[in-house]
Amino acid sequence: MAFVRIDDEGTPQPITLSEIRKLASSRSPVPPAEVLAALSIHKVKKPQRPDLAWDEDGALGPIEWDGAKATRSWTVTKVKEAAQNARKAERLDQVRRGIALRVLASDWTQVDDSGLTAGQKAAWATWRAALRALYTAVDPFSVDWPNPPAAGRAEFIIRLQALREG
């Protein structure tokens, strides 16, 4: 547990227990809450950064003094937004890798000696185009993956597994 004292300009300053005891003229381990309040001293958890502190509500943020009470000006919401954006970026990378693997595993369908008919090659080409369209997917958490064509699907799955493992 740490303490801050709001100075005359309204800026929170760290203060030690020994300094508090001197100000409060007290020998008790921690002066009562009303004494602390009268001295503009607030309990906070030890800060991770000098300008941030965990307040008694468990929220992270800089402590500001409005003349009557200490408040935080930055809320956990921003931390949550940053975490969500990071998860979205990570999932988007996963989707892009999945697209690239599927296209790579189906390259064989577009060569002349693949053993597929012209119609089957066209179906695979359409499927590959649908995969590439997923690069611009808005929500990477709800990707509607297209199903590969039936002709050559077994070969595609074998190649996809080999790419994933290797």
C-alpha atoms as a PDB file:
ATOM      1  CA  MET A   1       0.000   0.000   0.000  1.00  0.00           C
ATOM      2  CA  ALA A   2       1.295   3.480  -0.833  1.00  0.00           C
ATOM      3  CA  PHE A   3       0.064   6.974  -0.128  1.00  0.00           C
ATOM      4  CA  VAL A   4      -0.110  10.194  -2.133  1.00  0.00           C
ATOM      5  CA  ARG A   5      -0.624  13.686  -0.849  1.00  0.00           C
ATOM      6  CA  ILE A   6      -2.332  16.264  -3.028  1.00  0.00           C
ATOM      7  CA  ASP A   7      -0.145  19.371  -3.009  1.00  0.00           C
ATOM      8  CA  ASP A   8      -1.308  23.008  -3.315  1.00  0.00           C
ATOM      9  CA  GLU A   9      -1.334  22.815  -7.133  1.00  0.00           C
ATOM     10  CA  GLY A  10      -3.510  19.701  -7.036  1.00  0.00           C
ATOM     11  CA  THR A  11      -0.719  17.313  -8.040  1.00  0.00           C
ATOM     12  CA  PRO A  12      -0.474  13.976  -6.222  1.00  0.00           C
ATOM     13  CA  GLN A  13       2.915  13.463  -4.582  1.00  0.00           C
ATOM     14  CA  PRO A  14       4.141  10.204  -3.034  1.00  0.00           C
ATOM     15  CA  ILE A  15       4.420  10.358   0.737  1.00  0.00           C
ATOM     16  CA  THR A  16       5.931   7.866   3.172  1.00  0.00           C
ATOM     17  CA  LEU A  17       4.334   6.557   6.360  1.00  0.00           C
ATOM     18  CA  SER A  18       6.942   8.279   8.486  1.00  0.00           C
ATOM     19  CA  GLU A  19       6.104  11.612   6.806  1.00  0.00           C
ATOM     20  CA  ILE A  20       2.398  10.969   7.401  1.00  0.00           C
ATOM     21  CA  ARG A  21       3.020  10.198  11.082  1.00  0.00           C
ATOM     22  CA  LYS A  22       4.942  13.475  11.465  1.00  0.00           C
ATOM     23  CA  LEU A  23       2.166  15.473   9.764  1.00  0.00           C
ATOM     24  CA  ALA A  24      -0.535  13.735  11.804  1.00  0.00           C
ATOM     25  CA  SER A  25       1.477  13.827  15.040  1.00  0.00           C
ATOM     26  CA  SER A  26       0.662  10.150  15.405  1.00  0.00           C
ATOM     27  CA  ARG A  27       2.584   7.049  16.435  1.00  0.00           C
ATOM     28  CA  SER A  28      -0.038   4.597  15.163  1.00  0.00           C
ATOM     29  CA  PRO A  29       0.999   2.446  12.167  1.00  0.00           C
ATOM     30  CA  VAL A  30      -1.513   4.204   9.908  1.00  0.00           C
ATOM     31  CA  PRO A  31      -3.506   7.233  11.032  1.00  0.00           C
ATOM     32  CA  PRO A  32      -7.328   6.987  10.803  1.00  0.00           C
ATOM     33  CA  ALA A  33      -9.024   7.725   7.472  1.00  0.00           C
ATOM     34  CA  GLU A  34     -10.442  11.055   8.678  1.00  0.00           C
ATOM     35  CA  VAL A  35      -6.957  12.278   9.597  1.00  0.00           C
ATOM     36  CA  LEU A  36      -5.636  11.213   6.188  1.00  0.00           C
ATOM     37  CA  ALA A  37      -8.512  12.994   4.442  1.00  0.00           C
ATOM     38  CA  ALA A  38      -7.912  16.172   6.424  1.00  0.00           C
ATOM     39  CA  LEU A  39      -4.278  16.102   5.291  1.00  0.00           C
ATOM     40  CA  SER A  40      -5.270  15.461   1.617  1.00  0.00           C
ATOM     41  CA  ILE A  41      -3.634  12.031   1.744  1.00  0.00           C
ATOM     42  CA  HIS A  42      -5.052   9.074  -0.199  1.00  0.00           C
ATOM     43  CA  LYS A  43      -4.257   5.358  -0.099  1.00  0.00           C
ATOM     44  CA  VAL A  44      -3.278   3.802  -3.428  1.00  0.00           C
ATOM     45  CA  LYS A  45      -1.666   0.564  -4.428  1.00  0.00           C
ATOM     46  CA  LYS A  46       1.990   0.900  -5.362  1.00  0.00           C
ATOM     47  CA  PRO A  47       2.222   2.442  -8.832  1.00  0.00           C
ATOM     48  CA  GLN A  48       3.599   0.478 -11.756  1.00  0.00           C
ATOM     49  CA  ARG A  49       4.661   3.749 -13.338  1.00  0.00           C
ATOM     50  CA  PRO A  50       5.303   7.024 -11.510  1.00  0.00           C
ATOM     51  CA  ASP A  51       2.342   8.761 -13.170  1.00  0.00           C
ATOM     52  CA  LEU A  52      -0.145   5.884 -12.687  1.00  0.00           C
ATOM     53  CA  ALA A  53      -1.632   4.264  -9.615  1.00  0.00           C
ATOM     54  CA  TRP A  54      -4.271   1.693  -8.746  1.00  0.00           C
ATOM     55  CA  ASP A  55      -6.997   3.447  -6.813  1.00  0.00           C
ATOM     56  CA  GLU A  56      -9.089   1.798  -4.100  1.00  0.00           C
ATOM     57  CA  ASP A  57     -11.721   0.783  -6.699  1.00  0.00           C
ATOM     58  CA  GLY A  58      -9.076  -1.306  -8.469  1.00  0.00           C
ATOM     59  CA  ALA A  59      -8.929   0.898 -11.555  1.00  0.00           C
ATOM     60  CA  LEU A  60      -5.699   2.059 -13.122  1.00  0.00           C
ATOM     61  CA  GLY A  61      -5.103   5.684 -13.937  1.00  0.00           C
ATOM     62  CA  PRO A  62      -3.396   8.912 -13.029  1.00  0.00           C
ATOM     63  CA  ILE A  63      -4.721  10.432  -9.856  1.00  0.00           C
ATOM     64  CA  GLU A  64      -6.101  13.948 -10.255  1.00  0.00           C
ATOM     65  CA  TRP A  65      -7.326  16.312  -7.584  1.00  0.00           C
ATOM     66  CA  ASP A  66     -10.440  18.378  -8.266  1.00  0.00           C
ATOM     67  CA  GLY A  67     -10.322  20.286  -4.997  1.00  0.00           C
ATOM     68  CA  ALA A  68     -12.659  17.912  -3.165  1.00  0.00           C
ATOM     69  CA  LYS A  69     -11.456  14.418  -3.994  1.00  0.00           C
ATOM     70  CA  ALA A  70      -8.869  12.451  -5.904  1.00  0.00           C
ATOM     71  CA  THR A  71     -10.076  10.911  -9.145  1.00  0.00           C
ATOM     72  CA  ARG A  72      -8.488   9.111 -12.055  1.00  0.00           C
ATOM     73  CA  SER A  73      -8.637  10.626 -15.509  1.00  0.00           C
ATOM     74  CA  TRP A  74      -7.922   7.460 -17.428  1.00  0.00           C
ATOM     75  CA  THR A  75      -9.986   4.316 -17.098  1.00  0.00           C
ATOM     76  CA  VAL A  76      -9.493   0.614 -17.628  1.00  0.00           C
ATOM     77  CA  THR A  77     -11.687   0.918 -20.742  1.00  0.00           C
ATOM     78  CA  LYS A  78      -8.672   2.104 -22.733  1.00  0.00           C
ATOM     79  CA  VAL A  79      -6.727  -0.949 -21.594  1.00  0.00           C
ATOM     80  CA  LYS A  80      -9.605  -3.191 -22.696  1.00  0.00           C
ATOM     81  CA  GLU A  81      -9.804  -1.455 -26.093  1.00  0.00           C
ATOM     82  CA  ALA A  82      -6.070  -1.929 -26.638  1.00  0.00           C
ATOM     83  CA  ALA A  83      -6.327  -5.614 -25.713  1.00  0.00           C
ATOM     84  CA  GLN A  84      -9.284  -6.093 -28.070  1.00  0.00           C
ATOM     85  CA  ASN A  85      -7.412  -4.379 -30.901  1.00  0.00           C
ATOM     86  CA  ALA A  86      -4.396  -6.618 -30.283  1.00  0.00           C
ATOM     87  CA  ARG A  87      -6.598  -9.753 -30.326  1.00  0.00           C
ATOM     88  CA  LYS A  88      -8.249  -8.561 -33.550  1.00  0.00           C
ATOM     89  CA  ALA A  89      -4.873  -7.948 -35.209  1.00  0.00           C
ATOM     90  CA  GLU A  90      -3.653 -11.390 -34.101  1.00  0.00           C
ATOM     91  CA  ARG A  91      -6.800 -13.068 -35.443  1.00  0.00           C
ATOM     92  CA  LEU A  92      -6.502 -11.138 -38.713  1.00  0.00           C
ATOM     93  CA  ASP A  93      -2.950 -12.488 -39.079  1.00  0.00           C
ATOM     94  CA  GLN A  94      -4.253 -16.020 -38.453  1.00  0.00           C
ATOM     95  CA  VAL A  95      -6.937 -15.581 -41.119  1.00  0.00           C
ATOM     96  CA  ARG A  96      -4.394 -14.252 -43.630  1.00  0.00           C
ATOM     97  CA  ARG A  97      -2.066 -17.186 -42.950  1.00  0.00           C
ATOM     98  CA  GLY A  98      -5.023 -19.557 -43.410  1.00  0.00           C
ATOM     99  CA  ILE A  99      -5.854 -17.977 -46.764  1.00  0.00           C
ATOM    100  CA  ALA A 100      -2.243 -18.160 -47.933  1.00  0.00           C
ATOM    101  CA  LEU A 101      -1.955 -21.829 -46.892  1.00  0.00           C
ATOM    102  CA  ARG A 102      -5.171 -22.783 -48.669  1.00  0.00           C
ATOM    103  CA  VAL A 103      -4.165 -20.988 -51.860  1.00  0.00           C
ATOM    104  CA  LEU A 104      -0.710 -22.577 -51.742  1.00  0.00           C
ATOM    105  CA  ALA A 105      -2.169 -26.048 -51.093  1.00  0.00           C
ATOM    106  CA  SER A 106      -4.450 -25.646 -54.117  1.00  0.00           C
ATOM    107  CA  ASP A 107      -1.834 -24.359 -56.584  1.00  0.00           C
ATOM    108  CA  TRP A 108      -1.629 -27.820 -58.123  1.00  0.00           C
ATOM    109  CA  THR A 109      -5.225 -27.477 -59.373  1.00  0.00           C
ATOM    110  CA  GLN A 110      -4.223 -24.773 -61.841  1.00  0.00           C
ATOM    111  CA  VAL A 111      -1.430 -26.595 -63.719  1.00  0.00           C
ATOM    112  CA  ASP A 112      -2.005 -28.440 -66.989  1.00  0.00           C
ATOM    113  CA  ASP A 113      -1.025 -31.894 -65.715  1.00  0.00           C
ATOM    114  CA  SER A 114      -3.242 -31.791 -62.596  1.00  0.00           C
ATOM    115  CA  GLY A 115      -5.619 -34.408 -63.966  1.00  0.00           C
ATOM    116  CA  LEU A 116      -8.609 -32.064 -63.531  1.00  0.00           C
ATOM    117  CA  THR A 117     -10.992 -31.159 -66.339  1.00  0.00           C
ATOM    118  CA  ALA A 118     -11.344 -27.564 -67.527  1.00  0.00           C
ATOM    119  CA  GLY A 119     -14.603 -27.229 -65.581  1.00  0.00           C
ATOM    120  CA  GLN A 120     -13.000 -28.555 -62.404  1.00  0.00           C
ATOM    121  CA  LYS A 121     -10.054 -26.164 -62.803  1.00  0.00           C
ATOM    122  CA  ALA A 122     -12.538 -23.304 -63.230  1.00  0.00           C
ATOM    123  CA  ALA A 123     -14.331 -24.354 -60.016  1.00  0.00           C
ATOM    124  CA  TRP A 124     -11.000 -24.319 -58.159  1.00  0.00           C
ATOM    125  CA  ALA A 125     -10.105 -20.936 -59.676  1.00  0.00           C
ATOM    126  CA  THR A 126     -13.446 -19.531 -58.454  1.00  0.00           C
ATOM    127  CA  TRP A 127     -12.834 -21.008 -55.000  1.00  0.00           C
ATOM    128  CA  ARG A 128      -9.340 -19.505 -54.871  1.00  0.00           C
ATOM    129  CA  ALA A 129     -10.777 -16.097 -55.849  1.00  0.00           C
ATOM    130  CA  ALA A 130     -13.311 -16.396 -53.019  1.00  0.00           C
ATOM    131  CA  LEU A 131     -10.435 -17.116 -50.618  1.00  0.00           C
ATOM    132  CA  ARG A 132      -8.519 -14.072 -51.791  1.00  0.00           C
ATOM    133  CA  ALA A 133     -11.631 -11.949 -51.246  1.00  0.00           C
ATOM    134  CA  LEU A 134     -11.390 -12.863 -47.537  1.00  0.00           C
ATOM    135  CA  TYR A 135      -8.252 -10.685 -47.259  1.00  0.00           C
ATOM    136  CA  THR A 136     -10.590  -7.722 -46.967  1.00  0.00           C
ATOM    137  CA  ALA A 137     -12.850  -9.414 -44.407  1.00  0.00           C
ATOM    138  CA  VAL A 138     -14.107  -6.824 -41.946  1.00  0.00           C
ATOM    139  CA  ASP A 139     -14.508  -9.095 -38.921  1.00  0.00           C
ATOM    140  CA  PRO A 140     -11.762 -11.716 -38.587  1.00  0.00           C
ATOM    141  CA  PHE A 141     -13.725 -13.447 -35.809  1.00  0.00           C
ATOM    142  CA  SER A 142     -16.569 -14.514 -38.107  1.00  0.00           C
ATOM    143  CA  VAL A 143     -14.941 -15.660 -41.327  1.00  0.00           C
ATOM    144  CA  ASP A 144     -17.189 -17.621 -43.670  1.00  0.00           C
ATOM    145  CA  TRP A 145     -14.640 -19.978 -45.232  1.00  0.00           C
ATOM    146  CA  PRO A 146     -15.735 -21.236 -48.674  1.00  0.00           C
ATOM    147  CA  ASN A 147     -15.807 -25.008 -49.191  1.00  0.00           C
ATOM    148  CA  PRO A 148     -13.304 -26.388 -51.703  1.00  0.00           C
ATOM    149  CA  PRO A 149     -14.720 -28.085 -54.799  1.00  0.00           C
ATOM    150  CA  ALA A 150     -15.380 -31.812 -54.528  1.00  0.00           C
ATOM    151  CA  ALA A 151     -13.053 -32.811 -57.385  1.00  0.00           C
ATOM    152  CA  GLY A 152      -9.527 -32.975 -55.962  1.00  0.00           C
ATOM    153  CA  ARG A 153     -10.610 -32.186 -52.386  1.00  0.00           C
ATOM    154  CA  ALA A 154      -8.773 -35.208 -50.910  1.00  0.00           C
ATOM    155  CA  GLU A 155      -5.504 -34.177 -52.588  1.00  0.00           C
ATOM    156  CA  PHE A 156      -6.014 -30.602 -51.373  1.00  0.00           C
ATOM    157  CA  ILE A 157      -6.564 -31.742 -47.767  1.00  0.00           C
ATOM    158  CA  ILE A 158      -3.407 -33.874 -47.835  1.00  0.00           C
ATOM    159  CA  ARG A 159      -1.366 -30.952 -49.160  1.00  0.00           C
ATOM    160  CA  LEU A 160      -2.907 -28.527 -46.643  1.00  0.00           C
ATOM    161  CA  GLN A 161      -2.060 -30.854 -43.734  1.00  0.00           C
ATOM    162  CA  ALA A 162       1.520 -31.198 -44.988  1.00  0.00           C
ATOM    163  CA  LEU A 163       1.882 -27.417 -45.164  1.00  0.00           C
ATOM    164  CA  ARG A 164       0.446 -26.951 -41.667  1.00  0.00           C
ATOM    165  CA  GLU A 165       2.788 -29.547 -40.190  1.00  0.00           C
ATOM    166  CA  GLY A 166       5.915 -28.493 -42.043  1.00  0.00           C
END
